[in-house]
Every structure is written in structure tokens, then in C-alpha cells.
Amino acid sequence: MSNQKKLPEKGELVLGRVYRITEHGVYVKLIEYEGVDAYCHISEIANAWIRKIRNFVTQGQQVVGKVVKVQRNTNQVDISLKRLSPQQKKEKTLEYKRTMAAKAILSLLAEKLETTPLEIEEKLAEPLIENYYTLFNAFEAIAAEGKEALADINISAKYKNALVEVTKASVKLSNAETEVIIGLRSFAPDGLEQVKSVLFTAENSITENKKIGFTLTTIGSPRYRLLVSGKYFEDVDEAVQSTIRAVNQKAEELEVDCAIEIKETQ
């Protein structure tokens, strides 16, 4: 977490803040890359005809972009604001917030143990990430489960005690949720049964993941609402993506028209 890369990679999602708007594009300061700016041409701002750029972006606005070009010899970074979905934007923003929250917890741990955040990170980051993928995931697990979450982590009792105390006081536990709208239509004689079969596939796919809860309701045929929830965003997202693949495959197999929309994640 402490090692900042000099420039982002092509295809990477980046968080930035608009600081200059011109007739032909906008300039953005990349929040995660100190001293690095990016440019977004007017053609990459939105999937619509743009008469005035300021109708789509404003000075000081925080944006999420996709890196489309990196020229390392000139440190020039070009990004697109339109080549990513609302879900990707939400996920990137959440990822950044969780990273910053993890850094704040490292600072609190350092203060409690009378050392530096860098030293705390060097001692804890590798074993925690190895077991929980990200530091914030680890801190959430510790806040929820206490020392049980650290049973397989090879760190001293002093660090375990401090981790439990700080995370329980700092981490607010809340479920992650994703709403999926599934549109299904069949013109076959047994179309209703085919639609039910596709929905049954969705239920089966979600049920396979024991960490996930869900509700499936009708919001007016032919649209159905699948609300997926769990303790961690990563678990919810994995379950949603797996279910979407299963639903699309079943719908194609039965020749059922299928349209899926993912709503914002909390």
C-alpha cells in the first residue's frame, strides 16, 4: 500500500479530480498517482453528442476513468470516462475508500503500538493479505470475529490484541448488496415454464455460495429483481457475476430473451 507506482497501466481504472476544462477535453489529477495528470478527449467523455463539455463534467468533480494510452517517455496518460460501466465506477470508488480506510487503521495501530505505519504495514500486510486478499477485508473479519479471524495468522499476540482492539473500535460492519434486474421473455408455447427454469437456475447458482443471501421477486412480468447480499463486497460481486453467467447460458439454451441490469452496490 505504501509503494506508489509512477504511472498507471493501460486498461487500468483510475480515480481522479477534474482541474481544467477546455473546448476539446478535460485534465484530471490522478488521486492515486502523486503528481500525475491525465487527459480525456471530448470524444471519450460520454456516449452522446457533446455540445458543451461543462454539461457533462464540472470543475473539481471526482471521476473514474479507464486508461487508454500511456506514453512513458513523456509521462502522458490518456483516459476515457465512457469506456466503463456505472458498476465499474462504483466498484473503483469503493475500492479506493476501503484502501484509505485501511491506511487510517494502520496509522491507529502504529499510534497504539508506538511505532510507524510503515513498520506496521511491513509486519502485517503480507500475512493478512495472503489470507483475506485485501487489508480492509482482513480488518472487517477481525472486527466481526475477533481473535478467531487471526487464528491462522502468524503474528505475535501483541499485534493480535492491538488489531482486535483497534478494528472493533474503527470498522463499522455492514452488508454489501447488489440489485440485479433480470428481464425474461419467451414466445414458446411453454414459455412460462422456460422462464421459471431460468429463474430456478439463478436461485441454484446463488444457493451454491453459502456466504451469500438473496431474495428473488417479481417487479412486473417480464422483469424480476434479484437482491444479493453478503458480508464482503468481493463475495457478493463474485456470486452476482457467476449467477449472470449461469442465467445467460440457460436463457440461450432455452431460447429465452434475456436482459440483465446491475444496479448500484452499497
C-alpha atoms as a PDB file:
ATOM      1  CA  MET A   1       0.000   0.000   0.000  1.00  0.00           C
ATOM      2  CA  SER A   2       2.850   2.392   0.651  1.00  0.00           C
ATOM      3  CA  ASN A   3       4.604   1.875  -2.688  1.00  0.00           C
ATOM      4  CA  GLN A   4       3.096   4.151  -5.309  1.00  0.00           C
ATOM      5  CA  LYS A   5       3.630   3.292  -8.960  1.00  0.00           C
ATOM      6  CA  LYS A   6       4.869   6.162 -11.098  1.00  0.00           C
ATOM      7  CA  LEU A   7       2.299   5.718 -13.861  1.00  0.00           C
ATOM      8  CA  PRO A   8      -0.841   3.605 -14.309  1.00  0.00           C
ATOM      9  CA  GLU A   9      -1.061   0.758 -16.832  1.00  0.00           C
ATOM     10  CA  LYS A  10      -3.152   0.730 -19.991  1.00  0.00           C
ATOM     11  CA  GLY A  11      -6.597  -0.695 -19.226  1.00  0.00           C
ATOM     12  CA  GLU A  12      -6.393   0.218 -15.530  1.00  0.00           C
ATOM     13  CA  LEU A  13      -9.257   2.038 -13.816  1.00  0.00           C
ATOM     14  CA  VAL A  14      -8.139   5.246 -12.124  1.00  0.00           C
ATOM     15  CA  LEU A  15      -9.700   7.777  -9.792  1.00  0.00           C
ATOM     16  CA  GLY A  16      -9.139  11.468 -10.469  1.00  0.00           C
ATOM     17  CA  ARG A  17     -10.363  15.019  -9.989  1.00  0.00           C
ATOM     18  CA  VAL A  18     -11.104  17.423 -12.846  1.00  0.00           C
ATOM     19  CA  TYR A  19      -8.961  20.566 -12.590  1.00  0.00           C
ATOM     20  CA  ARG A  20      -9.141  22.074 -16.071  1.00  0.00           C
ATOM     21  CA  ILE A  21     -11.844  22.060 -18.750  1.00  0.00           C
ATOM     22  CA  THR A  22     -11.177  23.121 -22.349  1.00  0.00           C
ATOM     23  CA  GLU A  23     -13.205  23.054 -25.564  1.00  0.00           C
ATOM     24  CA  HIS A  24     -11.626  19.765 -26.600  1.00  0.00           C
ATOM     25  CA  GLY A  25     -11.321  17.823 -23.361  1.00  0.00           C
ATOM     26  CA  VAL A  26     -10.616  17.812 -19.637  1.00  0.00           C
ATOM     27  CA  TYR A  27      -7.492  17.471 -17.495  1.00  0.00           C
ATOM     28  CA  VAL A  28      -7.624  15.299 -14.415  1.00  0.00           C
ATOM     29  CA  LYS A  29      -5.287  14.916 -11.432  1.00  0.00           C
ATOM     30  CA  LEU A  30      -4.963  11.223 -10.626  1.00  0.00           C
ATOM     31  CA  ILE A  31      -5.648  10.758  -6.921  1.00  0.00           C
ATOM     32  CA  GLU A  32      -3.685   7.510  -6.534  1.00  0.00           C
ATOM     33  CA  TYR A  33      -0.634   8.706  -8.502  1.00  0.00           C
ATOM     34  CA  GLU A  34       1.073  11.682  -6.907  1.00  0.00           C
ATOM     35  CA  GLY A  35       1.999  14.356  -9.427  1.00  0.00           C
ATOM     36  CA  VAL A  36       0.432  12.540 -12.397  1.00  0.00           C
ATOM     37  CA  ASP A  37      -2.206  14.173 -14.607  1.00  0.00           C
ATOM     38  CA  ALA A  38      -4.401  12.579 -17.261  1.00  0.00           C
ATOM     39  CA  TYR A  39      -6.233  13.951 -20.276  1.00  0.00           C
ATOM     40  CA  CYS A  40      -9.672  12.929 -21.517  1.00  0.00           C
ATOM     41  CA  HIS A  41     -10.579  13.999 -25.043  1.00  0.00           C
ATOM     42  CA  ILE A  42     -14.126  15.228 -25.661  1.00  0.00           C
ATOM     43  CA  SER A  43     -14.849  12.095 -27.715  1.00  0.00           C
ATOM     44  CA  GLU A  44     -14.141   9.932 -24.628  1.00  0.00           C
ATOM     45  CA  ILE A  45     -16.310  11.791 -22.132  1.00  0.00           C
ATOM     46  CA  ALA A  46     -19.745  10.322 -22.875  1.00  0.00           C
ATOM     47  CA  ASN A  47     -21.677   8.095 -25.257  1.00  0.00           C
ATOM     48  CA  ALA A  48     -23.608  11.070 -26.548  1.00  0.00           C
ATOM     49  CA  TRP A  49     -23.154  14.114 -28.736  1.00  0.00           C
ATOM     50  CA  ILE A  50     -21.496  16.807 -26.633  1.00  0.00           C
ATOM     51  CA  ARG A  51     -22.247  20.421 -27.376  1.00  0.00           C
ATOM     52  CA  LYS A  52     -20.836  21.780 -24.141  1.00  0.00           C
ATOM     53  CA  ILE A  53     -18.357  19.761 -22.086  1.00  0.00           C
ATOM     54  CA  ARG A  54     -19.459  21.523 -18.888  1.00  0.00           C
ATOM     55  CA  ASN A  55     -22.859  19.872 -19.228  1.00  0.00           C
ATOM     56  CA  PHE A  56     -21.110  16.535 -18.602  1.00  0.00           C
ATOM     57  CA  VAL A  57     -18.233  17.373 -16.227  1.00  0.00           C
ATOM     58  CA  THR A  58     -17.596  20.148 -13.719  1.00  0.00           C
ATOM     59  CA  GLN A  59     -14.543  21.746 -12.167  1.00  0.00           C
ATOM     60  CA  GLY A  60     -13.411  19.774  -9.105  1.00  0.00           C
ATOM     61  CA  GLN A  61     -15.596  16.750  -9.936  1.00  0.00           C
ATOM     62  CA  GLN A  62     -14.269  13.337  -8.906  1.00  0.00           C
ATOM     63  CA  VAL A  63     -14.319  10.927 -11.832  1.00  0.00           C
ATOM     64  CA  VAL A  64     -13.381   7.343 -12.601  1.00  0.00           C
ATOM     65  CA  GLY A  65     -11.655   6.706 -15.916  1.00  0.00           C
ATOM     66  CA  LYS A  66     -10.122   3.890 -17.899  1.00  0.00           C
ATOM     67  CA  VAL A  67      -6.535   4.333 -19.080  1.00  0.00           C
ATOM     68  CA  VAL A  68      -6.456   4.069 -22.881  1.00  0.00           C
ATOM     69  CA  LYS A  69      -2.903   5.271 -23.577  1.00  0.00           C
ATOM     70  CA  VAL A  70       0.330   5.729 -21.636  1.00  0.00           C
ATOM     71  CA  GLN A  71       3.424   7.413 -23.086  1.00  0.00           C
ATOM     72  CA  ARG A  72       6.139   6.779 -20.532  1.00  0.00           C
ATOM     73  CA  ASN A  73       8.768   8.899 -22.265  1.00  0.00           C
ATOM     74  CA  THR A  74       6.574  11.988 -21.790  1.00  0.00           C
ATOM     75  CA  ASN A  75       4.548  10.823 -18.745  1.00  0.00           C
ATOM     76  CA  GLN A  76       1.381  11.418 -20.770  1.00  0.00           C
ATOM     77  CA  VAL A  77      -1.719   9.484 -19.703  1.00  0.00           C
ATOM     78  CA  ASP A  78      -4.954   9.467 -21.706  1.00  0.00           C
ATOM     79  CA  ILE A  79      -8.158   8.218 -20.130  1.00  0.00           C
ATOM     80  CA  SER A  80     -11.750   7.552 -21.136  1.00  0.00           C
ATOM     81  CA  LEU A  81     -14.745   8.370 -18.967  1.00  0.00           C
ATOM     82  CA  LYS A  82     -17.184   6.478 -21.192  1.00  0.00           C
ATOM     83  CA  ARG A  83     -15.487   3.088 -21.645  1.00  0.00           C
ATOM     84  CA  LEU A  84     -16.621   1.688 -18.314  1.00  0.00           C
ATOM     85  CA  SER A  85     -19.963   0.821 -16.772  1.00  0.00           C
ATOM     86  CA  PRO A  86     -21.658   2.522 -13.803  1.00  0.00           C
ATOM     87  CA  GLN A  87     -20.926  -0.671 -11.845  1.00  0.00           C
ATOM     88  CA  GLN A  88     -17.193  -0.421 -12.598  1.00  0.00           C
ATOM     89  CA  LYS A  89     -17.188   3.212 -11.485  1.00  0.00           C
ATOM     90  CA  LYS A  90     -18.925   2.264  -8.250  1.00  0.00           C
ATOM     91  CA  GLU A  91     -16.528  -0.606  -7.607  1.00  0.00           C
ATOM     92  CA  LYS A  92     -13.445   1.562  -8.210  1.00  0.00           C
ATOM     93  CA  THR A  93     -14.698   4.287  -5.879  1.00  0.00           C
ATOM     94  CA  LEU A  94     -15.486   1.728  -3.184  1.00  0.00           C
ATOM     95  CA  GLU A  95     -12.070   0.105  -3.615  1.00  0.00           C
ATOM     96  CA  TYR A  96     -10.357   3.473  -3.062  1.00  0.00           C
ATOM     97  CA  LYS A  97     -12.451   4.257   0.021  1.00  0.00           C
ATOM     98  CA  ARG A  98     -11.606   0.862   1.512  1.00  0.00           C
ATOM     99  CA  THR A  99      -7.899   1.369   0.781  1.00  0.00           C
ATOM    100  CA  MET A 100      -7.903   4.753   2.517  1.00  0.00           C
ATOM    101  CA  ALA A 101      -9.825   3.299   5.476  1.00  0.00           C
ATOM    102  CA  ALA A 102      -7.217   0.534   5.769  1.00  0.00           C
ATOM    103  CA  LYS A 103      -4.425   3.127   5.797  1.00  0.00           C
ATOM    104  CA  ALA A 104      -6.191   5.007   8.584  1.00  0.00           C
ATOM    105  CA  ILE A 105      -6.405   1.818  10.638  1.00  0.00           C
ATOM    106  CA  LEU A 106      -2.688   1.170  10.089  1.00  0.00           C
ATOM    107  CA  SER A 107      -1.998   4.659  11.460  1.00  0.00           C
ATOM    108  CA  LEU A 108      -4.135   3.953  14.545  1.00  0.00           C
ATOM    109  CA  LEU A 109      -2.292   0.679  15.090  1.00  0.00           C
ATOM    110  CA  ALA A 110       1.042   2.453  14.786  1.00  0.00           C
ATOM    111  CA  GLU A 111      -0.038   5.032  17.349  1.00  0.00           C
ATOM    112  CA  LYS A 112      -1.199   2.357  19.773  1.00  0.00           C
ATOM    113  CA  LEU A 113       1.996   0.319  19.395  1.00  0.00           C
ATOM    114  CA  GLU A 114       4.216   3.429  19.390  1.00  0.00           C
ATOM    115  CA  THR A 115       5.767   2.760  16.005  1.00  0.00           C
ATOM    116  CA  THR A 116       5.305   3.926  12.392  1.00  0.00           C
ATOM    117  CA  PRO A 117       2.541   2.988   9.892  1.00  0.00           C
ATOM    118  CA  LEU A 118       5.250   1.701   7.533  1.00  0.00           C
ATOM    119  CA  GLU A 119       6.601  -0.696  10.155  1.00  0.00           C
ATOM    120  CA  ILE A 120       3.072  -1.899  10.958  1.00  0.00           C
ATOM    121  CA  GLU A 121       2.401  -2.462   7.268  1.00  0.00           C
ATOM    122  CA  GLU A 122       5.655  -4.392   6.816  1.00  0.00           C
ATOM    123  CA  LYS A 123       4.750  -6.739   9.675  1.00  0.00           C
ATOM    124  CA  LEU A 124       1.046  -7.231   8.938  1.00  0.00           C
ATOM    125  CA  ALA A 125       0.293  -6.641   5.258  1.00  0.00           C
ATOM    126  CA  GLU A 126       1.682  -9.863   3.786  1.00  0.00           C
ATOM    127  CA  PRO A 127       0.115 -12.382   6.228  1.00  0.00           C
ATOM    128  CA  LEU A 128      -3.247 -10.568   6.286  1.00  0.00           C
ATOM    129  CA  ILE A 129      -3.492 -10.161   2.504  1.00  0.00           C
ATOM    130  CA  GLU A 130      -2.444 -13.782   1.990  1.00  0.00           C
ATOM    131  CA  ASN A 131      -5.488 -14.892   3.993  1.00  0.00           C
ATOM    132  CA  TYR A 132      -8.019 -12.139   3.174  1.00  0.00           C
ATOM    133  CA  TYR A 133      -6.958 -10.754  -0.236  1.00  0.00           C
ATOM    134  CA  THR A 134      -7.043  -7.115   0.952  1.00  0.00           C
ATOM    135  CA  LEU A 135      -6.191  -5.390   4.223  1.00  0.00           C
ATOM    136  CA  PHE A 136      -9.684  -3.970   4.601  1.00  0.00           C
ATOM    137  CA  ASN A 137     -11.211  -7.434   4.162  1.00  0.00           C
ATOM    138  CA  ALA A 138      -8.961  -8.597   6.987  1.00  0.00           C
ATOM    139  CA  PHE A 139      -9.927  -5.681   9.228  1.00  0.00           C
ATOM    140  CA  GLU A 140     -13.636  -6.360   8.605  1.00  0.00           C
ATOM    141  CA  ALA A 141     -13.180 -10.026   9.508  1.00  0.00           C
ATOM    142  CA  ILE A 142     -11.287  -9.152  12.693  1.00  0.00           C
ATOM    143  CA  ALA A 143     -13.946  -6.605  13.700  1.00  0.00           C
ATOM    144  CA  ALA A 144     -16.639  -9.259  13.227  1.00  0.00           C
ATOM    145  CA  GLU A 145     -14.911 -12.357  14.590  1.00  0.00           C
ATOM    146  CA  GLY A 146     -12.236 -11.047  16.960  1.00  0.00           C
ATOM    147  CA  LYS A 147      -9.175 -13.243  17.550  1.00  0.00           C
ATOM    148  CA  GLU A 148     -10.795 -16.155  15.731  1.00  0.00           C
ATOM    149  CA  ALA A 149     -10.129 -14.317  12.467  1.00  0.00           C
ATOM    150  CA  LEU A 150      -6.419 -14.326  13.346  1.00  0.00           C
ATOM    151  CA  ALA A 151      -6.135 -17.974  14.352  1.00  0.00           C
ATOM    152  CA  ASP A 152      -4.135 -18.924  11.254  1.00  0.00           C
ATOM    153  CA  ILE A 153      -2.125 -15.682  11.046  1.00  0.00           C
ATOM    154  CA  ASN A 154       1.499 -15.948  12.165  1.00  0.00           C
ATOM    155  CA  ILE A 155       1.934 -12.725  14.129  1.00  0.00           C
ATOM    156  CA  SER A 156       2.654 -12.033  17.795  1.00  0.00           C
ATOM    157  CA  ALA A 157      -0.008 -11.883  20.496  1.00  0.00           C
ATOM    158  CA  LYS A 158       0.785  -8.188  20.985  1.00  0.00           C
ATOM    159  CA  TYR A 159      -0.169  -7.431  17.390  1.00  0.00           C
ATOM    160  CA  LYS A 160      -3.243  -9.642  17.531  1.00  0.00           C
ATOM    161  CA  ASN A 161      -4.523  -7.881  20.657  1.00  0.00           C
ATOM    162  CA  ALA A 162      -3.930  -4.465  19.101  1.00  0.00           C
ATOM    163  CA  LEU A 163      -5.617  -5.494  15.840  1.00  0.00           C
ATOM    164  CA  VAL A 164      -8.746  -6.689  17.623  1.00  0.00           C
ATOM    165  CA  GLU A 165      -8.989  -3.590  19.816  1.00  0.00           C
ATOM    166  CA  VAL A 166      -8.426  -1.065  17.010  1.00  0.00           C
ATOM    167  CA  THR A 167     -10.558  -2.722  14.344  1.00  0.00           C
ATOM    168  CA  LYS A 168     -13.528  -3.285  16.657  1.00  0.00           C
ATOM    169  CA  ALA A 169     -13.441   0.415  17.523  1.00  0.00           C
ATOM    170  CA  SER A 170     -12.844   1.623  13.952  1.00  0.00           C
ATOM    171  CA  VAL A 171     -14.652  -0.657  11.491  1.00  0.00           C
ATOM    172  CA  LYS A 172     -18.377  -0.262  11.023  1.00  0.00           C
ATOM    173  CA  LEU A 173     -19.746  -3.574   9.834  1.00  0.00           C
ATOM    174  CA  SER A 174     -22.419  -3.512   7.140  1.00  0.00           C
ATOM    175  CA  ASN A 175     -23.576  -5.894   4.462  1.00  0.00           C
ATOM    176  CA  ALA A 176     -22.733  -5.337   0.824  1.00  0.00           C
ATOM    177  CA  GLU A 177     -25.706  -5.514  -1.518  1.00  0.00           C
ATOM    178  CA  THR A 178     -26.175  -5.671  -5.268  1.00  0.00           C
ATOM    179  CA  GLU A 179     -29.511  -5.451  -7.051  1.00  0.00           C
ATOM    180  CA  VAL A 180     -29.846  -7.318 -10.342  1.00  0.00           C
ATOM    181  CA  ILE A 181     -32.814  -6.725 -12.638  1.00  0.00           C
ATOM    182  CA  ILE A 182     -33.472  -9.712 -14.909  1.00  0.00           C
ATOM    183  CA  GLY A 183     -35.759  -9.319 -17.906  1.00  0.00           C
ATOM    184  CA  LEU A 184     -37.012 -12.623 -19.386  1.00  0.00           C
ATOM    185  CA  ARG A 185     -39.387 -13.210 -22.273  1.00  0.00           C
ATOM    186  CA  SER A 186     -40.287 -16.358 -24.195  1.00  0.00           C
ATOM    187  CA  PHE A 187     -42.717 -16.757 -27.092  1.00  0.00           C
ATOM    188  CA  ALA A 188     -42.681 -20.571 -26.993  1.00  0.00           C
ATOM    189  CA  PRO A 189     -45.898 -22.494 -26.159  1.00  0.00           C
ATOM    190  CA  ASP A 190     -44.375 -23.426 -22.794  1.00  0.00           C
ATOM    191  CA  GLY A 191     -42.739 -20.024 -22.359  1.00  0.00           C
ATOM    192  CA  LEU A 192     -43.794 -19.586 -18.728  1.00  0.00           C
ATOM    193  CA  GLU A 193     -42.117 -22.841 -17.772  1.00  0.00           C
ATOM    194  CA  GLN A 194     -38.973 -21.826 -19.626  1.00  0.00           C
ATOM    195  CA  VAL A 195     -38.826 -18.510 -17.776  1.00  0.00           C
ATOM    196  CA  LYS A 196     -39.313 -20.364 -14.473  1.00  0.00           C
ATOM    197  CA  SER A 197     -36.445 -22.674 -15.447  1.00  0.00           C
ATOM    198  CA  VAL A 198     -34.125 -19.717 -15.988  1.00  0.00           C
ATOM    199  CA  LEU A 199     -35.108 -18.200 -12.632  1.00  0.00           C
ATOM    200  CA  PHE A 200     -34.570 -21.577 -10.957  1.00  0.00           C
ATOM    201  CA  THR A 201     -31.071 -21.572 -12.450  1.00  0.00           C
ATOM    202  CA  ALA A 202     -30.434 -18.168 -10.845  1.00  0.00           C
ATOM    203  CA  GLU A 203     -31.592 -19.462  -7.447  1.00  0.00           C
ATOM    204  CA  ASN A 204     -29.435 -22.575  -7.714  1.00  0.00           C
ATOM    205  CA  SER A 205     -26.369 -20.549  -8.653  1.00  0.00           C
ATOM    206  CA  ILE A 206     -26.757 -18.194  -5.681  1.00  0.00           C
ATOM    207  CA  THR A 207     -27.534 -21.019  -3.244  1.00  0.00           C
ATOM    208  CA  GLU A 208     -24.202 -22.687  -4.035  1.00  0.00           C
ATOM    209  CA  ASN A 209     -22.410 -19.839  -2.238  1.00  0.00           C
ATOM    210  CA  LYS A 210     -23.032 -20.311   1.498  1.00  0.00           C
ATOM    211  CA  LYS A 211     -21.706 -16.822   2.310  1.00  0.00           C
ATOM    212  CA  ILE A 212     -24.442 -15.127   0.291  1.00  0.00           C
ATOM    213  CA  GLY A 213     -28.087 -14.345   0.949  1.00  0.00           C
ATOM    214  CA  PHE A 214     -30.653 -13.364  -1.669  1.00  0.00           C
ATOM    215  CA  THR A 215     -34.264 -12.583  -2.450  1.00  0.00           C
ATOM    216  CA  LEU A 216     -35.895 -13.044  -5.856  1.00  0.00           C
ATOM    217  CA  THR A 217     -39.123 -11.160  -6.520  1.00  0.00           C
ATOM    218  CA  THR A 218     -41.295 -10.157  -9.473  1.00  0.00           C
ATOM    219  CA  ILE A 219     -41.440  -6.444 -10.275  1.00  0.00           C
ATOM    220  CA  GLY A 220     -43.935  -6.803 -13.074  1.00  0.00           C
ATOM    221  CA  SER A 221     -43.605  -9.517 -15.694  1.00  0.00           C
ATOM    222  CA  PRO A 222     -41.316  -9.942 -17.537  1.00  0.00           C
ATOM    223  CA  ARG A 223     -38.933  -8.273 -15.033  1.00  0.00           C
ATOM    224  CA  TYR A 224     -37.568  -9.846 -11.865  1.00  0.00           C
ATOM    225  CA  ARG A 225     -35.495  -8.408  -9.024  1.00  0.00           C
ATOM    226  CA  LEU A 226     -32.617 -10.388  -7.517  1.00  0.00           C
ATOM    227  CA  LEU A 227     -31.142  -8.789  -4.388  1.00  0.00           C
ATOM    228  CA  VAL A 228     -27.833 -10.366  -3.412  1.00  0.00           C
ATOM    229  CA  SER A 229     -26.227  -9.615  -0.035  1.00  0.00           C
ATOM    230  CA  GLY A 230     -23.222 -10.706   1.973  1.00  0.00           C
ATOM    231  CA  LYS A 231     -20.626  -9.538   4.459  1.00  0.00           C
ATOM    232  CA  TYR A 232     -17.982  -8.664   1.874  1.00  0.00           C
ATOM    233  CA  PHE A 233     -18.322  -6.844  -1.436  1.00  0.00           C
ATOM    234  CA  GLU A 234     -15.955  -9.272  -3.167  1.00  0.00           C
ATOM    235  CA  ASP A 235     -18.129 -12.275  -2.212  1.00  0.00           C
ATOM    236  CA  VAL A 236     -21.281 -10.545  -3.431  1.00  0.00           C
ATOM    237  CA  ASP A 237     -19.704  -9.480  -6.714  1.00  0.00           C
ATOM    238  CA  GLU A 238     -18.361 -12.989  -7.364  1.00  0.00           C
ATOM    239  CA  ALA A 239     -21.800 -14.501  -6.711  1.00  0.00           C
ATOM    240  CA  VAL A 240     -23.510 -11.949  -8.961  1.00  0.00           C
ATOM    241  CA  GLN A 241     -21.121 -12.493 -11.868  1.00  0.00           C
ATOM    242  CA  SER A 242     -21.377 -16.280 -11.544  1.00  0.00           C
ATOM    243  CA  THR A 243     -25.177 -16.093 -11.495  1.00  0.00           C
ATOM    244  CA  ILE A 244     -25.311 -13.803 -14.523  1.00  0.00           C
ATOM    245  CA  ARG A 245     -23.193 -16.264 -16.488  1.00  0.00           C
ATOM    246  CA  ALA A 246     -25.458 -19.159 -15.476  1.00  0.00           C
ATOM    247  CA  VAL A 247     -28.629 -17.233 -16.327  1.00  0.00           C
ATOM    248  CA  ASN A 248     -27.339 -16.134 -19.729  1.00  0.00           C
ATOM    249  CA  GLN A 249     -26.254 -19.679 -20.555  1.00  0.00           C
ATOM    250  CA  LYS A 250     -29.632 -21.165 -19.555  1.00  0.00           C
ATOM    251  CA  ALA A 251     -31.576 -18.473 -21.398  1.00  0.00           C
ATOM    252  CA  GLU A 252     -29.556 -19.062 -24.559  1.00  0.00           C
ATOM    253  CA  GLU A 253     -30.083 -22.812 -24.241  1.00  0.00           C
ATOM    254  CA  LEU A 254     -33.879 -22.369 -23.967  1.00  0.00           C
ATOM    255  CA  GLU A 255     -34.002 -19.509 -26.495  1.00  0.00           C
ATOM    256  CA  VAL A 256     -35.424 -17.133 -23.906  1.00  0.00           C
ATOM    257  CA  ASP A 257     -34.847 -13.409 -24.464  1.00  0.00           C
ATOM    258  CA  CYS A 258     -32.738 -12.181 -21.552  1.00  0.00           C
ATOM    259  CA  ALA A 259     -31.678  -8.673 -20.492  1.00  0.00           C
ATOM    260  CA  ILE A 260     -29.772  -8.065 -17.264  1.00  0.00           C
ATOM    261  CA  GLU A 261     -29.101  -4.784 -15.476  1.00  0.00           C
ATOM    262  CA  ILE A 262     -26.921  -4.395 -12.381  1.00  0.00           C
ATOM    263  CA  LYS A 263     -27.931  -1.625 -10.025  1.00  0.00           C
ATOM    264  CA  GLU A 264     -25.599   0.292  -7.742  1.00  0.00           C
ATOM    265  CA  THR A 265     -23.823  -1.604  -4.965  1.00  0.00           C
ATOM    266  CA  GLN A 266     -23.988  -0.309  -1.414  1.00  0.00           C
END
